[in-house]
Amino acid sequence: MRRTMVSYGHSWVDGDGASGPASCLAARVAARLGLDLDNRGVGGSSSTGTAALVQDTAPPPATLYLLMTGLNDLRLGGDAPSSLEQYTAALRSILAAFGQAAPDALVVALAQPPLLDFSLHAPHNLGSNALVATYNEELRRVAAEFPQVVVAEAAGWNAATMLDADTVHPNDAGHSCLARAAVRAATAAWQ
């Protein structure tokens, strides 16, 4: 059986900001772990969009699922309680779909690192790093409900040097930092 990593999430998973397909975080993670990559990241997607995607088409069986979502939720919804509630429900739906598709698969959920500037790109300009922290805390809380899920935190993240000029997407250094975090989390979970 093929050993595959299936990745879902927003534009960071899709590869925006990377200099090429092999430089994006999903490709780096799969390569370092020796897995074939099925990248289903969708630029501009929210957690509810990802939840709809896995409900419409069940995730294929995988050795590892990589998930990164929530940034667009908080950038568009700001501190509206309904935005966080929808994120929570979407996370549960996504993680449950992974568990149904491959009960023994590991899920690595990447926490969102901070940005420098949320003021650009209206209407997606309502976020803040305080909201990033709130969403990450919710991610950790929901992930704890699923025994196959681990949360990866990007140690050494530096928004000043790891974001693209658009202030939203990671550059190659950012993609590399995120990939290292996911690989460390997966390797530790498999030991």
N, C-alpha and C. Protein backbone atom coordinates (compact mmCIF):
# COMPACT_ATOMS: atom_id res chain seq x y z
N MET A 1 0.84 -1.19 0.00
CA MET A 1 0.00 0.00 0.00
C MET A 1 0.88 1.25 0.00
N ARG A 2 0.49 2.25 -0.78
CA ARG A 2 1.25 3.50 -0.84
C ARG A 2 1.14 4.23 0.49
N ARG A 3 2.25 4.80 0.91
CA ARG A 3 2.26 5.65 2.10
C ARG A 3 2.06 7.08 1.62
N THR A 4 0.94 7.67 2.03
CA THR A 4 0.53 8.95 1.48
C THR A 4 0.25 9.96 2.58
N MET A 5 0.58 11.21 2.32
CA MET A 5 0.15 12.33 3.16
C MET A 5 -0.87 13.14 2.37
N VAL A 6 -2.02 13.34 2.96
CA VAL A 6 -3.06 14.18 2.34
C VAL A 6 -3.16 15.46 3.15
N SER A 7 -3.02 16.58 2.48
CA SER A 7 -3.02 17.87 3.19
C SER A 7 -4.24 18.69 2.80
N TYR A 8 -4.79 19.38 3.80
CA TYR A 8 -5.96 20.23 3.63
C TYR A 8 -5.71 21.56 4.32
N GLY A 9 -6.34 22.62 3.80
CA GLY A 9 -6.26 23.90 4.47
C GLY A 9 -6.26 25.06 3.50
N HIS A 10 -5.81 26.19 4.01
CA HIS A 10 -5.85 27.44 3.26
C HIS A 10 -4.63 27.60 2.35
N SER A 11 -4.39 28.82 1.93
CA SER A 11 -3.36 29.10 0.92
C SER A 11 -1.95 28.71 1.35
N TRP A 12 -1.68 28.68 2.64
CA TRP A 12 -0.35 28.28 3.08
C TRP A 12 -0.10 26.82 2.73
N VAL A 13 -1.13 26.00 2.87
CA VAL A 13 -1.03 24.59 2.49
C VAL A 13 -0.96 24.48 0.97
N ASP A 14 -1.75 25.28 0.28
CA ASP A 14 -1.77 25.28 -1.17
C ASP A 14 -0.42 25.68 -1.76
N GLY A 15 0.38 26.44 -1.00
CA GLY A 15 1.73 26.78 -1.44
C GLY A 15 1.96 28.23 -1.77
N ASP A 16 0.97 29.10 -1.52
CA ASP A 16 1.16 30.51 -1.81
C ASP A 16 2.38 31.06 -1.06
N GLY A 17 3.16 31.88 -1.75
CA GLY A 17 4.35 32.49 -1.17
C GLY A 17 5.62 31.68 -1.39
N ALA A 18 5.49 30.39 -1.67
CA ALA A 18 6.67 29.56 -1.93
C ALA A 18 7.19 29.83 -3.34
N SER A 19 8.48 29.64 -3.53
CA SER A 19 9.08 29.93 -4.83
C SER A 19 8.75 28.87 -5.87
N GLY A 20 8.28 27.73 -5.45
CA GLY A 20 7.91 26.66 -6.37
C GLY A 20 7.20 25.56 -5.63
N PRO A 21 6.58 24.62 -6.34
CA PRO A 21 5.81 23.55 -5.69
C PRO A 21 6.61 22.74 -4.67
N ALA A 22 7.87 22.48 -4.95
CA ALA A 22 8.67 21.66 -4.03
C ALA A 22 9.05 22.42 -2.76
N SER A 23 8.90 23.75 -2.78
CA SER A 23 9.28 24.56 -1.62
C SER A 23 8.14 24.78 -0.64
N CYS A 24 6.91 24.41 -1.02
CA CYS A 24 5.79 24.66 -0.12
C CYS A 24 5.81 23.69 1.05
N LEU A 25 5.19 24.08 2.15
CA LEU A 25 5.30 23.31 3.38
C LEU A 25 4.80 21.88 3.21
N ALA A 26 3.69 21.67 2.50
CA ALA A 26 3.16 20.31 2.34
C ALA A 26 4.15 19.42 1.60
N ALA A 27 4.73 19.94 0.52
CA ALA A 27 5.70 19.15 -0.24
C ALA A 27 6.94 18.85 0.60
N ARG A 28 7.38 19.82 1.39
CA ARG A 28 8.55 19.61 2.24
C ARG A 28 8.28 18.53 3.29
N VAL A 29 7.10 18.57 3.91
CA VAL A 29 6.76 17.58 4.93
C VAL A 29 6.73 16.19 4.32
N ALA A 30 6.01 16.04 3.22
CA ALA A 30 5.90 14.72 2.57
C ALA A 30 7.28 14.19 2.19
N ALA A 31 8.11 15.05 1.60
CA ALA A 31 9.44 14.60 1.17
C ALA A 31 10.28 14.15 2.36
N ARG A 32 10.25 14.92 3.43
CA ARG A 32 11.09 14.58 4.60
C ARG A 32 10.62 13.31 5.29
N LEU A 33 9.32 13.01 5.18
CA LEU A 33 8.79 11.80 5.82
C LEU A 33 8.71 10.63 4.86
N GLY A 34 9.12 10.81 3.61
CA GLY A 34 9.10 9.73 2.64
C GLY A 34 7.70 9.31 2.22
N LEU A 35 6.78 10.27 2.15
CA LEU A 35 5.39 10.00 1.81
C LEU A 35 5.04 10.61 0.47
N ASP A 36 4.16 9.95 -0.27
CA ASP A 36 3.59 10.56 -1.47
C ASP A 36 2.64 11.67 -1.02
N LEU A 37 2.55 12.73 -1.80
CA LEU A 37 1.72 13.88 -1.42
C LEU A 37 0.47 13.97 -2.27
N ASP A 38 -0.65 14.13 -1.59
CA ASP A 38 -1.92 14.50 -2.21
C ASP A 38 -2.33 15.81 -1.56
N ASN A 39 -2.03 16.93 -2.22
CA ASN A 39 -2.26 18.25 -1.62
C ASN A 39 -3.62 18.79 -2.04
N ARG A 40 -4.51 18.94 -1.08
CA ARG A 40 -5.86 19.43 -1.33
C ARG A 40 -6.10 20.80 -0.71
N GLY A 41 -5.02 21.53 -0.47
CA GLY A 41 -5.14 22.89 0.03
C GLY A 41 -5.81 23.79 -1.00
N VAL A 42 -6.61 24.74 -0.51
CA VAL A 42 -7.34 25.65 -1.39
C VAL A 42 -7.10 27.09 -0.92
N GLY A 43 -6.46 27.87 -1.75
CA GLY A 43 -6.21 29.26 -1.41
C GLY A 43 -7.50 30.01 -1.12
N GLY A 44 -7.48 30.81 -0.05
CA GLY A 44 -8.63 31.60 0.33
C GLY A 44 -9.69 30.87 1.13
N SER A 45 -9.47 29.58 1.40
CA SER A 45 -10.51 28.80 2.07
C SER A 45 -10.54 29.08 3.58
N SER A 46 -11.71 28.92 4.13
CA SER A 46 -11.92 29.01 5.57
C SER A 46 -12.03 27.59 6.12
N SER A 47 -12.13 27.48 7.44
CA SER A 47 -12.31 26.16 8.04
C SER A 47 -13.64 25.56 7.60
N THR A 48 -14.67 26.38 7.45
CA THR A 48 -15.96 25.86 7.01
C THR A 48 -15.88 25.37 5.56
N GLY A 49 -15.07 26.04 4.75
CA GLY A 49 -14.85 25.57 3.38
C GLY A 49 -14.15 24.23 3.34
N THR A 50 -13.15 24.06 4.21
CA THR A 50 -12.45 22.78 4.28
C THR A 50 -13.38 21.69 4.80
N ALA A 51 -14.21 22.03 5.79
CA ALA A 51 -15.18 21.06 6.31
C ALA A 51 -16.15 20.64 5.21
N ALA A 52 -16.60 21.58 4.40
CA ALA A 52 -17.51 21.25 3.30
C ALA A 52 -16.80 20.36 2.28
N LEU A 53 -15.52 20.63 2.05
CA LEU A 53 -14.75 19.83 1.09
C LEU A 53 -14.67 18.37 1.53
N VAL A 54 -14.38 18.13 2.80
CA VAL A 54 -14.26 16.73 3.25
C VAL A 54 -15.62 16.07 3.42
N GLN A 55 -16.68 16.85 3.56
CA GLN A 55 -18.02 16.27 3.60
C GLN A 55 -18.50 15.91 2.19
N ASP A 56 -18.18 16.75 1.22
CA ASP A 56 -18.60 16.49 -0.16
C ASP A 56 -17.86 15.31 -0.77
N THR A 57 -16.56 15.23 -0.48
CA THR A 57 -15.72 14.14 -0.98
C THR A 57 -14.90 13.62 0.18
N ALA A 58 -15.20 12.41 0.62
CA ALA A 58 -14.50 11.85 1.78
C ALA A 58 -13.00 11.85 1.55
N PRO A 59 -12.22 12.18 2.57
CA PRO A 59 -10.77 12.14 2.41
C PRO A 59 -10.31 10.75 2.01
N PRO A 60 -9.33 10.66 1.13
CA PRO A 60 -8.80 9.34 0.80
C PRO A 60 -8.01 8.78 1.98
N PRO A 61 -7.92 7.46 2.09
CA PRO A 61 -7.09 6.89 3.17
C PRO A 61 -5.67 7.43 3.08
N ALA A 62 -5.04 7.62 4.22
CA ALA A 62 -3.70 8.19 4.26
C ALA A 62 -2.94 7.66 5.46
N THR A 63 -1.64 7.77 5.39
CA THR A 63 -0.77 7.50 6.53
C THR A 63 -0.79 8.70 7.47
N LEU A 64 -0.84 9.89 6.87
CA LEU A 64 -0.79 11.15 7.60
C LEU A 64 -1.70 12.17 6.93
N TYR A 65 -2.46 12.88 7.74
CA TYR A 65 -3.21 14.04 7.27
C TYR A 65 -2.55 15.28 7.87
N LEU A 66 -2.33 16.28 7.02
CA LEU A 66 -1.80 17.57 7.47
C LEU A 66 -2.91 18.60 7.32
N LEU A 67 -3.15 19.36 8.37
CA LEU A 67 -4.23 20.35 8.35
C LEU A 67 -3.71 21.68 8.87
N MET A 68 -4.06 22.74 8.15
CA MET A 68 -3.81 24.10 8.63
C MET A 68 -4.96 24.97 8.16
N THR A 69 -5.74 25.47 9.11
CA THR A 69 -6.92 26.26 8.77
C THR A 69 -7.21 27.25 9.89
N GLY A 70 -8.04 28.24 9.59
CA GLY A 70 -8.45 29.20 10.61
C GLY A 70 -8.03 30.64 10.35
N LEU A 71 -6.93 30.83 9.60
CA LEU A 71 -6.44 32.19 9.38
C LEU A 71 -7.49 33.05 8.67
N ASN A 72 -8.11 32.51 7.64
CA ASN A 72 -9.11 33.30 6.91
C ASN A 72 -10.37 33.52 7.73
N ASP A 73 -10.68 32.57 8.62
CA ASP A 73 -11.83 32.75 9.51
C ASP A 73 -11.64 33.99 10.37
N LEU A 74 -10.49 34.10 11.00
CA LEU A 74 -10.26 35.22 11.93
C LEU A 74 -9.99 36.51 11.20
N ARG A 75 -9.43 36.45 9.99
CA ARG A 75 -9.20 37.67 9.22
C ARG A 75 -10.50 38.26 8.69
N LEU A 76 -11.48 37.41 8.41
CA LEU A 76 -12.76 37.88 7.89
C LEU A 76 -13.78 38.11 9.01
N GLY A 77 -13.78 37.24 10.01
CA GLY A 77 -14.79 37.32 11.07
C GLY A 77 -14.39 38.17 12.25
N GLY A 78 -13.11 38.50 12.36
CA GLY A 78 -12.65 39.29 13.51
C GLY A 78 -13.00 38.60 14.81
N ASP A 79 -13.39 39.39 15.79
CA ASP A 79 -13.66 38.82 17.12
C ASP A 79 -15.13 38.44 17.31
N ALA A 80 -15.89 38.30 16.22
CA ALA A 80 -17.29 37.88 16.32
C ALA A 80 -17.35 36.47 16.91
N PRO A 81 -18.10 36.27 17.97
CA PRO A 81 -18.19 34.93 18.57
C PRO A 81 -18.63 33.86 17.58
N SER A 82 -19.49 34.23 16.64
CA SER A 82 -19.97 33.24 15.67
C SER A 82 -18.84 32.70 14.80
N SER A 83 -17.83 33.52 14.54
CA SER A 83 -16.70 33.07 13.72
C SER A 83 -15.92 31.97 14.43
N LEU A 84 -15.65 32.17 15.71
CA LEU A 84 -14.93 31.16 16.47
C LEU A 84 -15.78 29.89 16.64
N GLU A 85 -17.08 30.06 16.83
CA GLU A 85 -17.97 28.90 16.96
C GLU A 85 -17.99 28.08 15.68
N GLN A 86 -18.04 28.76 14.54
CA GLN A 86 -18.02 28.05 13.26
C GLN A 86 -16.69 27.33 13.06
N TYR A 87 -15.61 27.96 13.47
CA TYR A 87 -14.28 27.34 13.38
C TYR A 87 -14.24 26.06 14.22
N THR A 88 -14.75 26.13 15.43
CA THR A 88 -14.75 24.97 16.32
C THR A 88 -15.55 23.81 15.71
N ALA A 89 -16.74 24.12 15.22
CA ALA A 89 -17.57 23.08 14.60
C ALA A 89 -16.91 22.50 13.36
N ALA A 90 -16.29 23.36 12.56
CA ALA A 90 -15.61 22.89 11.35
C ALA A 90 -14.44 21.98 11.69
N LEU A 91 -13.65 22.37 12.70
CA LEU A 91 -12.53 21.52 13.12
C LEU A 91 -13.00 20.14 13.51
N ARG A 92 -14.04 20.08 14.32
CA ARG A 92 -14.55 18.77 14.75
C ARG A 92 -15.00 17.95 13.55
N SER A 93 -15.64 18.58 12.61
CA SER A 93 -16.12 17.88 11.42
C SER A 93 -14.96 17.35 10.58
N ILE A 94 -13.94 18.18 10.39
CA ILE A 94 -12.77 17.80 9.59
C ILE A 94 -12.04 16.64 10.26
N LEU A 95 -11.77 16.76 11.54
CA LEU A 95 -11.01 15.73 12.25
C LEU A 95 -11.78 14.42 12.32
N ALA A 96 -13.09 14.50 12.47
CA ALA A 96 -13.91 13.29 12.46
C ALA A 96 -13.87 12.62 11.09
N ALA A 97 -13.88 13.42 10.02
CA ALA A 97 -13.80 12.85 8.67
C ALA A 97 -12.49 12.14 8.45
N PHE A 98 -11.40 12.70 8.95
CA PHE A 98 -10.10 12.02 8.85
C PHE A 98 -10.15 10.68 9.59
N GLY A 99 -10.71 10.70 10.79
CA GLY A 99 -10.79 9.48 11.59
C GLY A 99 -11.63 8.41 10.93
N GLN A 100 -12.68 8.79 10.25
CA GLN A 100 -13.52 7.83 9.54
C GLN A 100 -12.80 7.27 8.32
N ALA A 101 -12.06 8.10 7.62
CA ALA A 101 -11.38 7.67 6.40
C ALA A 101 -10.21 6.74 6.70
N ALA A 102 -9.49 7.00 7.77
CA ALA A 102 -8.31 6.20 8.11
C ALA A 102 -8.11 6.26 9.62
N PRO A 103 -8.79 5.36 10.36
CA PRO A 103 -8.75 5.42 11.83
C PRO A 103 -7.35 5.36 12.45
N ASP A 104 -6.41 4.73 11.75
CA ASP A 104 -5.06 4.60 12.30
C ASP A 104 -4.11 5.69 11.84
N ALA A 105 -4.58 6.59 11.00
CA ALA A 105 -3.71 7.65 10.48
C ALA A 105 -3.43 8.70 11.55
N LEU A 106 -2.26 9.28 11.47
CA LEU A 106 -1.90 10.42 12.29
C LEU A 106 -2.39 11.69 11.63
N VAL A 107 -2.84 12.64 12.43
CA VAL A 107 -3.21 13.96 11.93
C VAL A 107 -2.29 14.99 12.60
N VAL A 108 -1.60 15.76 11.80
CA VAL A 108 -0.80 16.88 12.31
C VAL A 108 -1.53 18.16 11.94
N ALA A 109 -1.98 18.87 12.96
CA ALA A 109 -2.66 20.15 12.76
C ALA A 109 -1.67 21.27 13.10
N LEU A 110 -1.39 22.11 12.13
CA LEU A 110 -0.44 23.20 12.33
C LEU A 110 -1.12 24.40 12.97
N ALA A 111 -0.58 24.85 14.09
CA ALA A 111 -1.03 26.10 14.69
C ALA A 111 -0.63 27.26 13.80
N GLN A 112 -1.43 28.29 13.80
CA GLN A 112 -1.16 29.47 12.97
C GLN A 112 -0.14 30.36 13.66
N PRO A 113 1.00 30.62 13.03
CA PRO A 113 1.94 31.59 13.62
C PRO A 113 1.46 33.03 13.40
N PRO A 114 2.00 33.96 14.15
CA PRO A 114 1.55 35.36 14.03
C PRO A 114 1.96 36.01 12.71
N LEU A 115 1.24 37.05 12.37
CA LEU A 115 1.56 37.89 11.22
C LEU A 115 2.09 39.22 11.73
N LEU A 116 2.48 40.08 10.81
CA LEU A 116 2.95 41.42 11.18
C LEU A 116 1.86 42.48 11.07
N ASP A 117 1.00 42.34 10.06
CA ASP A 117 0.05 43.40 9.74
C ASP A 117 -1.24 42.79 9.23
N PHE A 118 -2.33 43.06 9.91
CA PHE A 118 -3.63 42.54 9.51
C PHE A 118 -4.47 43.60 8.79
N SER A 119 -3.93 44.78 8.56
CA SER A 119 -4.75 45.90 8.09
C SER A 119 -5.00 45.89 6.59
N LEU A 120 -4.29 45.05 5.85
CA LEU A 120 -4.43 45.05 4.39
C LEU A 120 -5.47 44.02 3.94
N HIS A 121 -5.78 44.04 2.66
CA HIS A 121 -6.59 43.00 2.02
C HIS A 121 -8.02 42.95 2.52
N ALA A 122 -8.67 44.10 2.66
CA ALA A 122 -10.09 44.13 3.04
C ALA A 122 -10.90 43.28 2.06
N PRO A 123 -11.93 42.59 2.52
CA PRO A 123 -12.50 42.61 3.88
C PRO A 123 -11.81 41.66 4.86
N HIS A 124 -10.71 41.03 4.42
CA HIS A 124 -9.98 40.11 5.30
C HIS A 124 -8.95 40.89 6.13
N ASN A 125 -9.41 41.91 6.83
CA ASN A 125 -8.49 42.78 7.58
C ASN A 125 -8.93 42.95 9.03
N LEU A 126 -9.69 41.99 9.55
CA LEU A 126 -10.24 42.13 10.90
C LEU A 126 -9.49 41.31 11.95
N GLY A 127 -8.43 40.63 11.54
CA GLY A 127 -7.70 39.77 12.47
C GLY A 127 -6.72 40.52 13.34
N SER A 128 -6.09 39.78 14.23
CA SER A 128 -5.03 40.29 15.10
C SER A 128 -4.26 39.10 15.63
N ASN A 129 -3.09 39.35 16.16
CA ASN A 129 -2.33 38.26 16.76
C ASN A 129 -2.97 37.76 18.04
N ALA A 130 -3.75 38.60 18.71
CA ALA A 130 -4.51 38.12 19.87
C ALA A 130 -5.53 37.08 19.42
N LEU A 131 -6.18 37.32 18.27
CA LEU A 131 -7.11 36.34 17.74
C LEU A 131 -6.40 35.07 17.27
N VAL A 132 -5.23 35.22 16.71
CA VAL A 132 -4.43 34.05 16.34
C VAL A 132 -4.22 33.17 17.58
N ALA A 133 -3.85 33.80 18.69
CA ALA A 133 -3.64 33.04 19.93
C ALA A 133 -4.93 32.37 20.40
N THR A 134 -6.05 33.07 20.28
CA THR A 134 -7.34 32.49 20.68
C THR A 134 -7.69 31.29 19.81
N TYR A 135 -7.51 31.41 18.52
CA TYR A 135 -7.82 30.31 17.60
C TYR A 135 -6.87 29.13 17.84
N ASN A 136 -5.61 29.41 18.10
CA ASN A 136 -4.67 28.33 18.39
C ASN A 136 -5.04 27.59 19.67
N GLU A 137 -5.50 28.33 20.66
CA GLU A 137 -5.93 27.69 21.90
C GLU A 137 -7.15 26.80 21.63
N GLU A 138 -8.05 27.26 20.80
CA GLU A 138 -9.22 26.45 20.44
C GLU A 138 -8.79 25.21 19.64
N LEU A 139 -7.83 25.38 18.76
CA LEU A 139 -7.29 24.23 18.02
C LEU A 139 -6.74 23.19 18.99
N ARG A 140 -5.95 23.61 19.95
CA ARG A 140 -5.38 22.66 20.92
C ARG A 140 -6.49 21.97 21.72
N ARG A 141 -7.53 22.72 22.08
CA ARG A 141 -8.63 22.16 22.87
C ARG A 141 -9.39 21.10 22.07
N VAL A 142 -9.73 21.43 20.82
CA VAL A 142 -10.47 20.48 19.99
C VAL A 142 -9.60 19.28 19.63
N ALA A 143 -8.34 19.51 19.32
CA ALA A 143 -7.44 18.41 18.96
C ALA A 143 -7.33 17.39 20.10
N ALA A 144 -7.40 17.86 21.33
CA ALA A 144 -7.29 16.96 22.49
C ALA A 144 -8.46 15.98 22.56
N GLU A 145 -9.54 16.27 21.85
CA GLU A 145 -10.69 15.37 21.82
C GLU A 145 -10.47 14.18 20.88
N PHE A 146 -9.42 14.23 20.07
CA PHE A 146 -9.16 13.21 19.06
C PHE A 146 -7.78 12.61 19.31
N PRO A 147 -7.71 11.34 19.71
CA PRO A 147 -6.42 10.77 20.10
C PRO A 147 -5.38 10.69 18.98
N GLN A 148 -5.82 10.72 17.72
CA GLN A 148 -4.87 10.59 16.62
C GLN A 148 -4.31 11.94 16.16
N VAL A 149 -4.70 13.03 16.84
CA VAL A 149 -4.32 14.38 16.39
C VAL A 149 -3.25 14.98 17.29
N VAL A 150 -2.21 15.52 16.66
CA VAL A 150 -1.20 16.29 17.38
C VAL A 150 -1.14 17.69 16.78
N VAL A 151 -0.87 18.66 17.60
CA VAL A 151 -0.75 20.06 17.15
C VAL A 151 0.73 20.41 17.05
N ALA A 152 1.11 20.96 15.91
CA ALA A 152 2.50 21.37 15.68
C ALA A 152 2.60 22.89 15.78
N GLU A 153 3.57 23.34 16.55
CA GLU A 153 3.82 24.77 16.74
C GLU A 153 5.15 25.12 16.05
N ALA A 154 5.17 26.19 15.29
CA ALA A 154 6.34 26.57 14.50
C ALA A 154 7.39 27.26 15.37
N ALA A 155 8.23 26.47 16.01
CA ALA A 155 9.32 27.03 16.83
C ALA A 155 10.27 27.82 15.94
N GLY A 156 10.69 28.96 16.44
CA GLY A 156 11.62 29.79 15.69
C GLY A 156 10.96 30.67 14.63
N TRP A 157 9.63 30.70 14.61
CA TRP A 157 8.93 31.54 13.63
C TRP A 157 9.28 33.00 13.82
N ASN A 158 9.58 33.68 12.74
CA ASN A 158 9.89 35.11 12.76
C ASN A 158 9.10 35.77 11.64
N ALA A 159 8.01 36.43 12.00
CA ALA A 159 7.14 37.04 10.99
C ALA A 159 7.88 38.08 10.15
N ALA A 160 8.88 38.73 10.72
CA ALA A 160 9.60 39.78 9.99
C ALA A 160 10.43 39.22 8.84
N THR A 161 10.87 37.97 8.95
CA THR A 161 11.72 37.39 7.91
C THR A 161 11.08 36.21 7.19
N MET A 162 9.94 35.73 7.67
CA MET A 162 9.36 34.50 7.11
C MET A 162 8.05 34.72 6.37
N LEU A 163 7.64 35.99 6.23
CA LEU A 163 6.43 36.29 5.46
C LEU A 163 6.80 36.92 4.12
N ASP A 164 5.98 36.63 3.12
CA ASP A 164 6.12 37.22 1.81
C ASP A 164 5.83 38.72 1.88
N ALA A 165 6.15 39.44 0.84
CA ALA A 165 5.91 40.89 0.81
C ALA A 165 4.43 41.24 0.94
N ASP A 166 3.53 40.30 0.64
CA ASP A 166 2.10 40.59 0.76
C ASP A 166 1.63 40.61 2.22
N THR A 167 2.48 40.28 3.15
CA THR A 167 2.26 40.27 4.61
C THR A 167 1.33 39.16 5.08
N VAL A 168 0.88 38.28 4.19
CA VAL A 168 -0.08 37.25 4.56
C VAL A 168 0.49 35.84 4.41
N HIS A 169 1.30 35.60 3.40
CA HIS A 169 1.75 34.25 3.09
C HIS A 169 3.23 34.05 3.45
N PRO A 170 3.59 32.84 3.81
CA PRO A 170 5.00 32.58 4.13
C PRO A 170 5.87 32.55 2.88
N ASN A 171 7.09 33.02 3.02
CA ASN A 171 8.08 32.85 1.95
C ASN A 171 8.74 31.47 2.13
N ASP A 172 9.78 31.21 1.39
CA ASP A 172 10.41 29.88 1.49
C ASP A 172 10.90 29.59 2.90
N ALA A 173 11.44 30.60 3.58
CA ALA A 173 11.91 30.39 4.96
C ALA A 173 10.73 30.06 5.87
N GLY A 174 9.60 30.71 5.65
CA GLY A 174 8.42 30.41 6.45
C GLY A 174 7.87 29.02 6.18
N HIS A 175 7.80 28.65 4.90
CA HIS A 175 7.35 27.29 4.57
C HIS A 175 8.27 26.25 5.20
N SER A 176 9.57 26.52 5.17
CA SER A 176 10.53 25.58 5.76
C SER A 176 10.34 25.47 7.27
N CYS A 177 10.12 26.58 7.94
CA CYS A 177 9.91 26.58 9.38
C CYS A 177 8.67 25.77 9.76
N LEU A 178 7.59 25.98 9.03
CA LEU A 178 6.35 25.24 9.28
C LEU A 178 6.53 23.75 9.01
N ALA A 179 7.24 23.43 7.93
CA ALA A 179 7.47 22.03 7.60
C ALA A 179 8.28 21.34 8.70
N ARG A 180 9.30 22.02 9.21
CA ARG A 180 10.10 21.44 10.30
C ARG A 180 9.22 21.12 11.50
N ALA A 181 8.30 22.02 11.81
CA ALA A 181 7.40 21.81 12.96
C ALA A 181 6.53 20.59 12.73
N ALA A 182 5.97 20.45 11.54
CA ALA A 182 5.11 19.30 11.25
C ALA A 182 5.89 18.00 11.27
N VAL A 183 7.09 18.01 10.71
CA VAL A 183 7.93 16.80 10.70
C VAL A 183 8.30 16.39 12.12
N ARG A 184 8.68 17.37 12.95
CA ARG A 184 9.02 17.06 14.35
C ARG A 184 7.82 16.45 15.06
N ALA A 185 6.64 17.01 14.85
CA ALA A 185 5.44 16.51 15.52
C ALA A 185 5.10 15.09 15.07
N ALA A 186 5.19 14.85 13.77
CA ALA A 186 4.88 13.51 13.25
C ALA A 186 5.90 12.50 13.74
N THR A 187 7.17 12.86 13.68
CA THR A 187 8.23 11.93 14.10
C THR A 187 8.07 11.58 15.57
N ALA A 188 7.79 12.57 16.40
CA ALA A 188 7.61 12.31 17.84
C ALA A 188 6.41 11.41 18.08
N ALA A 189 5.33 11.62 17.34
CA ALA A 189 4.11 10.82 17.54
C ALA A 189 4.32 9.37 17.10
N TRP A 190 5.16 9.16 16.12
CA TRP A 190 5.38 7.80 15.60
C TRP A 190 6.43 7.03 16.38
N GLN A 191 7.12 7.66 17.30
CA GLN A 191 8.16 6.95 18.08
C GLN A 191 7.56 6.07 19.14
